[in-house]
PDB file of N, CA and C in Angstrom:
ATOM      1  N   MET A   1      34.296  -1.603 -30.203  1.00  0.00           N
ATOM      2  CA  MET A   1      34.095  -2.386 -29.018  1.00  0.00           C
ATOM      3  C   MET A   1      33.210  -1.628 -28.034  1.00  0.00           C
ATOM      4  N   THR A   2      32.328  -2.345 -27.344  1.00  0.00           N
ATOM      5  CA  THR A   2      31.441  -1.693 -26.382  1.00  0.00           C
ATOM      6  C   THR A   2      31.976  -1.877 -24.978  1.00  0.00           C
ATOM      7  N   ASP A   3      31.587  -0.972 -24.132  1.00  0.00           N
ATOM      8  CA  ASP A   3      31.981  -1.034 -22.731  1.00  0.00           C
ATOM      9  C   ASP A   3      30.962  -1.873 -21.973  1.00  0.00           C
ATOM     10  N   ALA A   4      31.337  -3.037 -21.485  1.00  0.00           N
ATOM     11  CA  ALA A   4      30.430  -3.953 -20.791  1.00  0.00           C
ATOM     12  C   ALA A   4      30.517  -3.803 -19.281  1.00  0.00           C
ATOM     13  N   SER A   5      31.176  -2.790 -18.807  1.00  0.00           N
ATOM     14  CA  SER A   5      31.354  -2.659 -17.367  1.00  0.00           C
ATOM     15  C   SER A   5      30.134  -2.105 -16.653  1.00  0.00           C
ATOM     16  N   SER A   6      29.205  -1.502 -17.395  1.00  0.00           N
ATOM     17  CA  SER A   6      28.043  -0.922 -16.720  1.00  0.00           C
ATOM     18  C   SER A   6      27.075  -1.977 -16.228  1.00  0.00           C
ATOM     19  N   GLY A   7      26.987  -3.108 -16.880  1.00  0.00           N
ATOM     20  CA  GLY A   7      26.181  -4.212 -16.383  1.00  0.00           C
ATOM     21  C   GLY A   7      24.747  -4.200 -16.840  1.00  0.00           C
ATOM     22  N   ASN A   8      24.111  -3.042 -16.953  1.00  0.00           N
ATOM     23  CA  ASN A   8      22.705  -3.030 -17.335  1.00  0.00           C
ATOM     24  C   ASN A   8      22.501  -2.622 -18.779  1.00  0.00           C
ATOM     25  N   GLY A   9      23.537  -2.254 -19.474  1.00  0.00           N
ATOM     26  CA  GLY A   9      23.438  -1.974 -20.888  1.00  0.00           C
ATOM     27  C   GLY A   9      22.966  -0.570 -21.212  1.00  0.00           C
ATOM     28  N   SER A  10      22.438   0.157 -20.257  1.00  0.00           N
ATOM     29  CA  SER A  10      21.932   1.489 -20.552  1.00  0.00           C
ATOM     30  C   SER A  10      22.978   2.563 -20.346  1.00  0.00           C
ATOM     31  N   GLY A  11      24.044   2.241 -19.653  1.00  0.00           N
ATOM     32  CA  GLY A  11      25.100   3.199 -19.427  1.00  0.00           C
ATOM     33  C   GLY A  11      24.851   4.107 -18.236  1.00  0.00           C
ATOM     34  N   THR A  12      23.716   3.958 -17.566  1.00  0.00           N
ATOM     35  CA  THR A  12      23.440   4.774 -16.393  1.00  0.00           C
ATOM     36  C   THR A  12      23.659   3.955 -15.141  1.00  0.00           C
ATOM     37  N   ARG A  13      24.004   4.627 -14.085  1.00  0.00           N
ATOM     38  CA  ARG A  13      24.244   3.943 -12.811  1.00  0.00           C
ATOM     39  C   ARG A  13      23.052   4.154 -11.894  1.00  0.00           C
ATOM     40  N   SER A  14      22.670   3.121 -11.174  1.00  0.00           N
ATOM     41  CA  SER A  14      21.543   3.244 -10.262  1.00  0.00           C
ATOM     42  C   SER A  14      21.994   3.603  -8.856  1.00  0.00           C
ATOM     43  N   THR A  15      23.293   3.522  -8.586  1.00  0.00           N
ATOM     44  CA  THR A  15      23.795   3.866  -7.266  1.00  0.00           C
ATOM     45  C   THR A  15      24.317   5.295  -7.285  1.00  0.00           C
ATOM     46  N   PRO A  16      24.245   5.979  -6.148  1.00  0.00           N
ATOM     47  CA  PRO A  16      24.763   7.349  -6.119  1.00  0.00           C
ATOM     48  C   PRO A  16      26.278   7.353  -6.268  1.00  0.00           C
ATOM     49  N   PRO A  17      26.828   8.446  -6.758  1.00  0.00           N
ATOM     50  CA  PRO A  17      28.276   8.522  -6.898  1.00  0.00           C
ATOM     51  C   PRO A  17      28.961   8.405  -5.541  1.00  0.00           C
ATOM     52  N   THR A  18      30.207   7.972  -5.574  1.00  0.00           N
ATOM     53  CA  THR A  18      30.975   7.811  -4.347  1.00  0.00           C
ATOM     54  C   THR A  18      31.123   9.155  -3.641  1.00  0.00           C
ATOM     55  N   GLY A  19      30.906   9.145  -2.341  1.00  0.00           N
ATOM     56  CA  GLY A  19      31.055  10.359  -1.560  1.00  0.00           C
ATOM     57  C   GLY A  19      29.734  11.045  -1.264  1.00  0.00           C
ATOM     58  N   SER A  20      28.732  10.886  -2.116  1.00  0.00           N
ATOM     59  CA  SER A  20      27.427  11.485  -1.820  1.00  0.00           C
ATOM     60  C   SER A  20      26.510  10.393  -1.302  1.00  0.00           C
ATOM     61  N   ARG A  21      26.007  10.606  -0.120  1.00  0.00           N
ATOM     62  CA  ARG A  21      25.188   9.587   0.528  1.00  0.00           C
ATOM     63  C   ARG A  21      23.854  10.185   0.918  1.00  0.00           C
ATOM     64  N   THR A  22      22.793   9.427   0.730  1.00  0.00           N
ATOM     65  CA  THR A  22      21.459   9.884   1.102  1.00  0.00           C
ATOM     66  C   THR A  22      21.332   9.865   2.620  1.00  0.00           C
ATOM     67  N   PRO A  23      20.829  10.938   3.230  1.00  0.00           N
ATOM     68  CA  PRO A  23      20.684  10.947   4.687  1.00  0.00           C
ATOM     69  C   PRO A  23      19.623   9.948   5.140  1.00  0.00           C
ATOM     70  N   PHE A  24      19.754   9.512   6.375  1.00  0.00           N
ATOM     71  CA  PHE A  24      18.803   8.561   6.938  1.00  0.00           C
ATOM     72  C   PHE A  24      17.427   9.216   7.047  1.00  0.00           C
ATOM     73  N   PRO A  25      16.395   8.556   6.523  1.00  0.00           N
ATOM     74  CA  PRO A  25      15.040   9.162   6.531  1.00  0.00           C
ATOM     75  C   PRO A  25      14.331   8.966   7.869  1.00  0.00           C
ATOM     76  N   ALA A  26      14.725   9.719   8.880  1.00  0.00           N
ATOM     77  CA  ALA A  26      14.167   9.561  10.230  1.00  0.00           C
ATOM     78  C   ALA A  26      12.675   9.894  10.266  1.00  0.00           C
ATOM     79  N   VAL A  27      12.272  10.940   9.547  1.00  0.00           N
ATOM     80  CA  VAL A  27      10.855  11.314   9.544  1.00  0.00           C
ATOM     81  C   VAL A  27      10.027  10.217   8.869  1.00  0.00           C
ATOM     82  N   ARG A  28      10.553   9.672   7.778  1.00  0.00           N
ATOM     83  CA  ARG A  28       9.834   8.603   7.093  1.00  0.00           C
ATOM     84  C   ARG A  28       9.721   7.370   7.995  1.00  0.00           C
ATOM     85  N   LEU A  29      10.735   7.106   8.782  1.00  0.00           N
ATOM     86  CA  LEU A  29      10.689   5.982   9.715  1.00  0.00           C
ATOM     87  C   LEU A  29       9.572   6.173  10.737  1.00  0.00           C
ATOM     88  N   LEU A  30       9.431   7.383  11.253  1.00  0.00           N
ATOM     89  CA  LEU A  30       8.344   7.654  12.202  1.00  0.00           C
ATOM     90  C   LEU A  30       6.978   7.482  11.541  1.00  0.00           C
ATOM     91  N   TYR A  31       6.842   8.000  10.316  1.00  0.00           N
ATOM     92  CA  TYR A  31       5.593   7.793   9.580  1.00  0.00           C
ATOM     93  C   TYR A  31       5.350   6.303   9.338  1.00  0.00           C
ATOM     94  N   ALA A  32       6.397   5.574   9.015  1.00  0.00           N
ATOM     95  CA  ALA A  32       6.249   4.137   8.752  1.00  0.00           C
ATOM     96  C   ALA A  32       5.744   3.398   9.979  1.00  0.00           C
ATOM     97  N   PHE A  33       6.251   3.759  11.158  1.00  0.00           N
ATOM     98  CA  PHE A  33       5.749   3.129  12.389  1.00  0.00           C
ATOM     99  C   PHE A  33       4.266   3.437  12.596  1.00  0.00           C
ATOM    100  N   GLY A  34       3.893   4.682  12.404  1.00  0.00           N
ATOM    101  CA  GLY A  34       2.481   5.049  12.547  1.00  0.00           C
ATOM    102  C   GLY A  34       1.598   4.356  11.528  1.00  0.00           C
ATOM    103  N   PHE A  35       2.066   4.300  10.281  1.00  0.00           N
ATOM    104  CA  PHE A  35       1.283   3.630   9.241  1.00  0.00           C
ATOM    105  C   PHE A  35       1.249   2.118   9.448  1.00  0.00           C
ATOM    106  N   ALA A  36       2.285   1.562  10.076  1.00  0.00           N
ATOM    107  CA  ALA A  36       2.272   0.121  10.382  1.00  0.00           C
ATOM    108  C   ALA A  36       1.194  -0.189  11.416  1.00  0.00           C
ATOM    109  N   ILE A  37       1.036   0.675  12.394  1.00  0.00           N
ATOM    110  CA  ILE A  37      -0.026   0.487  13.392  1.00  0.00           C
ATOM    111  C   ILE A  37      -1.387   0.607  12.717  1.00  0.00           C
ATOM    112  N   ALA A  38      -1.537   1.597  11.838  1.00  0.00           N
ATOM    113  CA  ALA A  38      -2.797   1.751  11.097  1.00  0.00           C
ATOM    114  C   ALA A  38      -3.062   0.526  10.235  1.00  0.00           C
ATOM    115  N   ALA A  39      -2.018  -0.019   9.602  1.00  0.00           N
ATOM    116  CA  ALA A  39      -2.179  -1.209   8.755  1.00  0.00           C
ATOM    117  C   ALA A  39      -2.649  -2.401   9.579  1.00  0.00           C
ATOM    118  N   TRP A  40      -2.140  -2.529  10.787  1.00  0.00           N
ATOM    119  CA  TRP A  40      -2.551  -3.629  11.648  1.00  0.00           C
ATOM    120  C   TRP A  40      -4.045  -3.535  11.950  1.00  0.00           C
ATOM    121  N   PHE A  41      -4.513  -2.327  12.293  1.00  0.00           N
ATOM    122  CA  PHE A  41      -5.940  -2.142  12.576  1.00  0.00           C
ATOM    123  C   PHE A  41      -6.790  -2.367  11.329  1.00  0.00           C
ATOM    124  N   VAL A  42      -6.356  -1.845  10.196  1.00  0.00           N
ATOM    125  CA  VAL A  42      -7.111  -2.005   8.947  1.00  0.00           C
ATOM    126  C   VAL A  42      -7.202  -3.480   8.567  1.00  0.00           C
ATOM    127  N   PHE A  43      -6.112  -4.224   8.755  1.00  0.00           N
ATOM    128  CA  PHE A  43      -6.130  -5.655   8.457  1.00  0.00           C
ATOM    129  C   PHE A  43      -7.222  -6.365   9.247  1.00  0.00           C
ATOM    130  N   TRP A  44      -7.303  -6.091  10.538  1.00  0.00           N
ATOM    131  CA  TRP A  44      -8.303  -6.764  11.364  1.00  0.00           C
ATOM    132  C   TRP A  44      -9.719  -6.296  11.055  1.00  0.00           C
ATOM    133  N   ILE A  45      -9.865  -5.046  10.651  1.00  0.00           N
ATOM    134  CA  ILE A  45     -11.185  -4.570  10.231  1.00  0.00           C
ATOM    135  C   ILE A  45     -11.628  -5.315   8.977  1.00  0.00           C
ATOM    136  N   VAL A  46     -10.702  -5.539   8.048  1.00  0.00           N
ATOM    137  CA  VAL A  46     -11.027  -6.282   6.824  1.00  0.00           C
ATOM    138  C   VAL A  46     -11.421  -7.716   7.167  1.00  0.00           C
ATOM    139  N   ILE A  47     -10.730  -8.330   8.107  1.00  0.00           N
ATOM    140  CA  ILE A  47     -11.076  -9.700   8.516  1.00  0.00           C
ATOM    141  C   ILE A  47     -12.481  -9.738   9.122  1.00  0.00           C
ATOM    142  N   VAL A  48     -12.789  -8.785   9.983  1.00  0.00           N
ATOM    143  CA  VAL A  48     -14.127  -8.734  10.590  1.00  0.00           C
ATOM    144  C   VAL A  48     -15.189  -8.511   9.517  1.00  0.00           C
ATOM    145  N   LEU A  49     -14.920  -7.608   8.561  1.00  0.00           N
ATOM    146  CA  LEU A  49     -15.877  -7.377   7.477  1.00  0.00           C
ATOM    147  C   LEU A  49     -16.067  -8.621   6.614  1.00  0.00           C
ATOM    148  N   ALA A  50     -15.018  -9.395   6.430  1.00  0.00           N
ATOM    149  CA  ALA A  50     -15.139 -10.637   5.663  1.00  0.00           C
ATOM    150  C   ALA A  50     -16.063 -11.619   6.373  1.00  0.00           C
ATOM    151  N   VAL A  51     -15.948 -11.702   7.692  1.00  0.00           N
ATOM    152  CA  VAL A  51     -16.827 -12.597   8.458  1.00  0.00           C
ATOM    153  C   VAL A  51     -18.266 -12.093   8.393  1.00  0.00           C
ATOM    154  N   VAL A  52     -18.449 -10.784   8.548  1.00  0.00           N
ATOM    155  CA  VAL A  52     -19.792 -10.210   8.464  1.00  0.00           C
ATOM    156  C   VAL A  52     -20.388 -10.447   7.076  1.00  0.00           C
ATOM    157  N   GLN A  53     -19.581 -10.272   6.051  1.00  0.00           N
ATOM    158  CA  GLN A  53     -20.057 -10.496   4.678  1.00  0.00           C
ATOM    159  C   GLN A  53     -20.457 -11.958   4.475  1.00  0.00           C
ATOM    160  N   PHE A  54     -19.650 -12.879   5.028  1.00  0.00           N
ATOM    161  CA  PHE A  54     -19.973 -14.297   4.904  1.00  0.00           C
ATOM    162  C   PHE A  54     -21.288 -14.627   5.608  1.00  0.00           C
ATOM    163  N   VAL A  55     -21.486 -14.075   6.791  1.00  0.00           N
ATOM    164  CA  VAL A  55     -22.730 -14.320   7.528  1.00  0.00           C
ATOM    165  C   VAL A  55     -23.919 -13.711   6.781  1.00  0.00           C
ATOM    166  N   ALA A  56     -23.750 -12.506   6.268  1.00  0.00           N
ATOM    167  CA  ALA A  56     -24.828 -11.863   5.502  1.00  0.00           C
ATOM    168  C   ALA A  56     -25.155 -12.670   4.256  1.00  0.00           C
ATOM    169  N   PHE A  57     -24.146 -13.212   3.624  1.00  0.00           N
ATOM    170  CA  PHE A  57     -24.372 -14.041   2.437  1.00  0.00           C
ATOM    171  C   PHE A  57     -25.083 -15.340   2.804  1.00  0.00           C
ATOM    172  N   ALA A  58     -24.706 -15.924   3.935  1.00  0.00           N
ATOM    173  CA  ALA A  58     -25.347 -17.167   4.373  1.00  0.00           C
ATOM    174  C   ALA A  58     -26.813 -16.944   4.715  1.00  0.00           C
ATOM    175  N   ILE A  59     -27.138 -15.778   5.261  1.00  0.00           N
ATOM    176  CA  ILE A  59     -28.521 -15.495   5.648  1.00  0.00           C
ATOM    177  C   ILE A  59     -29.352 -15.046   4.447  1.00  0.00           C
ATOM    178  N   ASN A  60     -28.844 -14.089   3.671  1.00  0.00           N
ATOM    179  CA  ASN A  60     -29.619 -13.495   2.579  1.00  0.00           C
ATOM    180  C   ASN A  60     -29.432 -14.170   1.231  1.00  0.00           C
ATOM    181  N   GLY A  61     -28.349 -14.900   1.066  1.00  0.00           N
ATOM    182  CA  GLY A  61     -28.083 -15.533  -0.222  1.00  0.00           C
ATOM    183  C   GLY A  61     -27.494 -14.587  -1.252  1.00  0.00           C
ATOM    184  N   LYS A  62     -27.124 -13.384  -0.838  1.00  0.00           N
ATOM    185  CA  LYS A  62     -26.493 -12.440  -1.762  1.00  0.00           C
ATOM    186  C   LYS A  62     -25.479 -11.586  -1.002  1.00  0.00           C
ATOM    187  N   VAL A  63     -24.559 -11.028  -1.754  1.00  0.00           N
ATOM    188  CA  VAL A  63     -23.494 -10.219  -1.178  1.00  0.00           C
ATOM    189  C   VAL A  63     -24.009  -8.810  -0.927  1.00  0.00           C
ATOM    190  N   ASP A  64     -23.668  -8.241   0.223  1.00  0.00           N
ATOM    191  CA  ASP A  64     -24.023  -6.861   0.548  1.00  0.00           C
ATOM    192  C   ASP A  64     -23.040  -5.936  -0.169  1.00  0.00           C
ATOM    193  N   LEU A  65     -23.542  -5.095  -1.060  1.00  0.00           N
ATOM    194  CA  LEU A  65     -22.674  -4.237  -1.875  1.00  0.00           C
ATOM    195  C   LEU A  65     -21.976  -3.164  -1.059  1.00  0.00           C
ATOM    196  N   ASP A  66     -22.609  -2.657  -0.009  1.00  0.00           N
ATOM    197  CA  ASP A  66     -21.960  -1.648   0.833  1.00  0.00           C
ATOM    198  C   ASP A  66     -20.741  -2.228   1.551  1.00  0.00           C
ATOM    199  N   ILE A  67     -20.883  -3.412   2.096  1.00  0.00           N
ATOM    200  CA  ILE A  67     -19.754  -4.068   2.760  1.00  0.00           C
ATOM    201  C   ILE A  67     -18.677  -4.402   1.734  1.00  0.00           C
ATOM    202  N   LYS A  68     -19.092  -4.819   0.554  1.00  0.00           N
ATOM    203  CA  LYS A  68     -18.141  -5.151  -0.494  1.00  0.00           C
ATOM    204  C   LYS A  68     -17.330  -3.927  -0.914  1.00  0.00           C
ATOM    205  N   ASN A  69     -17.990  -2.792  -1.108  1.00  0.00           N
ATOM    206  CA  ASN A  69     -17.286  -1.567  -1.496  1.00  0.00           C
ATOM    207  C   ASN A  69     -16.355  -1.083  -0.383  1.00  0.00           C
ATOM    208  N   LEU A  70     -16.822  -1.122   0.857  1.00  0.00           N
ATOM    209  CA  LEU A  70     -15.976  -0.712   1.975  1.00  0.00           C
ATOM    210  C   LEU A  70     -14.760  -1.632   2.089  1.00  0.00           C
ATOM    211  N   SER A  71     -14.974  -2.922   1.952  1.00  0.00           N
ATOM    212  CA  SER A  71     -13.864  -3.875   2.022  1.00  0.00           C
ATOM    213  C   SER A  71     -12.853  -3.612   0.908  1.00  0.00           C
ATOM    214  N   PHE A  72     -13.355  -3.326  -0.295  1.00  0.00           N
ATOM    215  CA  PHE A  72     -12.464  -3.051  -1.425  1.00  0.00           C
ATOM    216  C   PHE A  72     -11.618  -1.809  -1.156  1.00  0.00           C
ATOM    217  N   ARG A  73     -12.245  -0.758  -0.632  1.00  0.00           N
ATOM    218  CA  ARG A  73     -11.503   0.476  -0.339  1.00  0.00           C
ATOM    219  C   ARG A  73     -10.483   0.261   0.777  1.00  0.00           C
ATOM    220  N   LEU A  74     -10.847  -0.527   1.787  1.00  0.00           N
ATOM    221  CA  LEU A  74      -9.906  -0.804   2.872  1.00  0.00           C
ATOM    222  C   LEU A  74      -8.728  -1.656   2.406  1.00  0.00           C
ATOM    223  N   VAL A  75      -8.976  -2.600   1.505  1.00  0.00           N
ATOM    224  CA  VAL A  75      -7.875  -3.406   0.963  1.00  0.00           C
ATOM    225  C   VAL A  75      -6.937  -2.531   0.133  1.00  0.00           C
ATOM    226  N   LYS A  76      -7.499  -1.602  -0.654  1.00  0.00           N
ATOM    227  CA  LYS A  76      -6.652  -0.666  -1.403  1.00  0.00           C
ATOM    228  C   LYS A  76      -5.844   0.205  -0.445  1.00  0.00           C
ATOM    229  N   TYR A  77      -6.474   0.650   0.632  1.00  0.00           N
ATOM    230  CA  TYR A  77      -5.790   1.466   1.632  1.00  0.00           C
ATOM    231  C   TYR A  77      -4.668   0.678   2.302  1.00  0.00           C
ATOM    232  N   LEU A  78      -4.928  -0.577   2.624  1.00  0.00           N
ATOM    233  CA  LEU A  78      -3.904  -1.438   3.217  1.00  0.00           C
ATOM    234  C   LEU A  78      -2.731  -1.600   2.254  1.00  0.00           C
ATOM    235  N   SER A  79      -3.033  -1.740   0.982  1.00  0.00           N
ATOM    236  CA  SER A  79      -1.982  -1.837  -0.028  1.00  0.00           C
ATOM    237  C   SER A  79      -1.139  -0.562  -0.071  1.00  0.00           C
ATOM    238  N   GLU A  80      -1.794   0.590   0.028  1.00  0.00           N
ATOM    239  CA  GLU A  80      -1.063   1.862   0.043  1.00  0.00           C
ATOM    240  C   GLU A  80      -0.200   1.983   1.291  1.00  0.00           C
ATOM    241  N   LEU A  81      -0.727   1.569   2.433  1.00  0.00           N
ATOM    242  CA  LEU A  81       0.047   1.616   3.673  1.00  0.00           C
ATOM    243  C   LEU A  81       1.296   0.749   3.569  1.00  0.00           C
ATOM    244  N   LEU A  82       1.123  -0.479   3.117  1.00  0.00           N
ATOM    245  CA  LEU A  82       2.263  -1.386   3.009  1.00  0.00           C
ATOM    246  C   LEU A  82       3.244  -0.914   1.943  1.00  0.00           C
ATOM    247  N   GLY A  83       2.730  -0.332   0.871  1.00  0.00           N
ATOM    248  CA  GLY A  83       3.607   0.205  -0.160  1.00  0.00           C
ATOM    249  C   GLY A  83       4.465   1.345   0.353  1.00  0.00           C
ATOM    250  N   PHE A  84       3.918   2.210   1.190  1.00  0.00           N
ATOM    251  CA  PHE A  84       4.699   3.308   1.759  1.00  0.00           C
ATOM    252  C   PHE A  84       5.737   2.776   2.737  1.00  0.00           C
ATOM    253  N   ILE A  85       5.343   1.824   3.566  1.00  0.00           N
ATOM    254  CA  ILE A  85       6.258   1.275   4.571  1.00  0.00           C
ATOM    255  C   ILE A  85       7.447   0.593   3.909  1.00  0.00           C
ATOM    256  N   THR A  86       7.223  -0.098   2.803  1.00  0.00           N
ATOM    257  CA  THR A  86       8.277  -0.867   2.141  1.00  0.00           C
ATOM    258  C   THR A  86       8.967  -0.101   1.015  1.00  0.00           C
ATOM    259  N   PHE A  87       8.752   1.219   0.933  1.00  0.00           N
ATOM    260  CA  PHE A  87       9.387   2.090  -0.048  1.00  0.00           C
ATOM    261  C   PHE A  87       8.969   1.782  -1.490  1.00  0.00           C
ATOM    262  N   LEU A  88       7.822   1.169  -1.689  1.00  0.00           N
ATOM    263  CA  LEU A  88       7.298   0.950  -3.034  1.00  0.00           C
ATOM    264  C   LEU A  88       6.624   2.195  -3.585  1.00  0.00           C
ATOM    265  N   ARG A  89       6.221   3.074  -2.703  1.00  0.00           N
ATOM    266  CA  ARG A  89       5.599   4.330  -3.111  1.00  0.00           C
ATOM    267  C   ARG A  89       6.072   5.434  -2.177  1.00  0.00           C
ATOM    268  N   ASP A  90       6.121   6.642  -2.711  1.00  0.00           N
ATOM    269  CA  ASP A  90       6.574   7.783  -1.928  1.00  0.00           C
ATOM    270  C   ASP A  90       5.431   8.638  -1.417  1.00  0.00           C
ATOM    271  N   GLU A  91       4.250   8.527  -2.044  1.00  0.00           N
ATOM    272  CA  GLU A  91       3.099   9.309  -1.607  1.00  0.00           C
ATOM    273  C   GLU A  91       2.590   8.744  -0.278  1.00  0.00           C
ATOM    274  N   GLN A  92       2.331   9.633   0.665  1.00  0.00           N
ATOM    275  CA  GLN A  92       1.845   9.184   1.960  1.00  0.00           C
ATOM    276  C   GLN A  92       0.356   8.876   1.879  1.00  0.00           C
ATOM    277  N   PRO A  93      -0.051   7.751   2.469  1.00  0.00           N
ATOM    278  CA  PRO A  93      -1.469   7.390   2.442  1.00  0.00           C
ATOM    279  C   PRO A  93      -2.298   8.238   3.411  1.00  0.00           C
ATOM    280  N   PHE A  94      -3.604   7.969   3.432  1.00  0.00           N
ATOM    281  CA  PHE A  94      -4.533   8.632   4.334  1.00  0.00           C
ATOM    282  C   PHE A  94      -4.032   8.469   5.763  1.00  0.00           C
ATOM    283  N   PRO A  95      -4.061   9.411   6.623  1.00  0.00           N
ATOM    284  CA  PRO A  95      -4.791  10.658   6.636  1.00  0.00           C
ATOM    285  C   PRO A  95      -4.035  11.830   6.013  1.00  0.00           C
ATOM    286  N   ILE A  96      -2.816  11.633   5.584  1.00  0.00           N
ATOM    287  CA  ILE A  96      -2.067  12.721   4.959  1.00  0.00           C
ATOM    288  C   ILE A  96      -2.465  12.847   3.492  1.00  0.00           C
ATOM    289  N   GLY A  97      -2.605  11.715   2.814  1.00  0.00           N
ATOM    290  CA  GLY A  97      -3.061  11.698   1.432  1.00  0.00           C
ATOM    291  C   GLY A  97      -4.544  11.378   1.375  1.00  0.00           C
ATOM    292  N   PRO A  98      -5.088  11.275   0.165  1.00  0.00           N
ATOM    293  CA  PRO A  98      -6.525  10.963   0.036  1.00  0.00           C
ATOM    294  C   PRO A  98      -6.816   9.496   0.333  1.00  0.00           C
ATOM    295  N   PHE A  99      -8.032   9.245   0.810  1.00  0.00           N
ATOM    296  CA  PHE A  99      -8.467   7.863   1.032  1.00  0.00           C
ATOM    297  C   PHE A  99      -8.810   7.253  -0.317  1.00  0.00           C
ATOM    298  N   PRO A 100      -8.445   5.988  -0.562  1.00  0.00           N
ATOM    299  CA  PRO A 100      -8.717   5.377  -1.868  1.00  0.00           C
ATOM    300  C   PRO A 100     -10.207   5.314  -2.187  1.00  0.00           C
ATOM    301  N   GLN A 101     -10.530   5.543  -3.446  1.00  0.00           N
ATOM    302  CA  GLN A 101     -11.908   5.454  -3.923  1.00  0.00           C
ATOM    303  C   GLN A 101     -12.119   4.101  -4.605  1.00  0.00           C
ATOM    304  N   ALA A 102     -13.336   3.604  -4.527  1.00  0.00           N
ATOM    305  CA  ALA A 102     -13.683   2.364  -5.218  1.00  0.00           C
ATOM    306  C   ALA A 102     -13.956   2.681  -6.669  1.00  0.00           C
ATOM    307  N   SER A 103     -13.360   1.911  -7.563  1.00  0.00           N
ATOM    308  CA  SER A 103     -13.628   2.119  -8.981  1.00  0.00           C
ATOM    309  C   SER A 103     -14.876   1.335  -9.367  1.00  0.00           C
ATOM    310  N   ASP A 104     -15.582   1.829 -10.377  1.00  0.00           N
ATOM    311  CA  ASP A 104     -16.851   1.216 -10.772  1.00  0.00           C
ATOM    312  C   ASP A 104     -16.665  -0.146 -11.428  1.00  0.00           C
ATOM    313  N   THR A 105     -15.523  -0.385 -12.065  1.00  0.00           N
ATOM    314  CA  THR A 105     -15.342  -1.620 -12.819  1.00  0.00           C
ATOM    315  C   THR A 105     -14.874  -2.778 -11.954  1.00  0.00           C
ATOM    316  N   SER A 106     -14.321  -2.510 -10.764  1.00  0.00           N
ATOM    317  CA  SER A 106     -13.719  -3.584  -9.978  1.00  0.00           C
ATOM    318  C   SER A 106     -14.688  -4.255  -9.020  1.00  0.00           C
ATOM    319  N   VAL A 107     -15.748  -3.568  -8.632  1.00  0.00           N
ATOM    320  CA  VAL A 107     -16.685  -4.181  -7.679  1.00  0.00           C
ATOM    321  C   VAL A 107     -18.072  -4.279  -8.248  1.00  0.00           C
TER     322      VAL A 107
END
């Protein structure tokens, strides 16, 4: 007979044992507030770049690659910021970590 009490079938528990509790991440909370402010600014910069790109496309009939690459890097950076704030990633984004690079295949 198998033990079905674990629930996930692997036999490991995802919660910490009783009595040991993770301390409140006060420093991470402060970083999250700072990164949230940075995310707000980056979001609006991306919106402005989208409008500029649309106007450039309307005038020239082609997409400006420099604006496209910058927009791609800023969107990746915004993703990193939001990922850190929501605990999806533990690595701190720029300016503590590296700024995202544009990959050659995506743009």
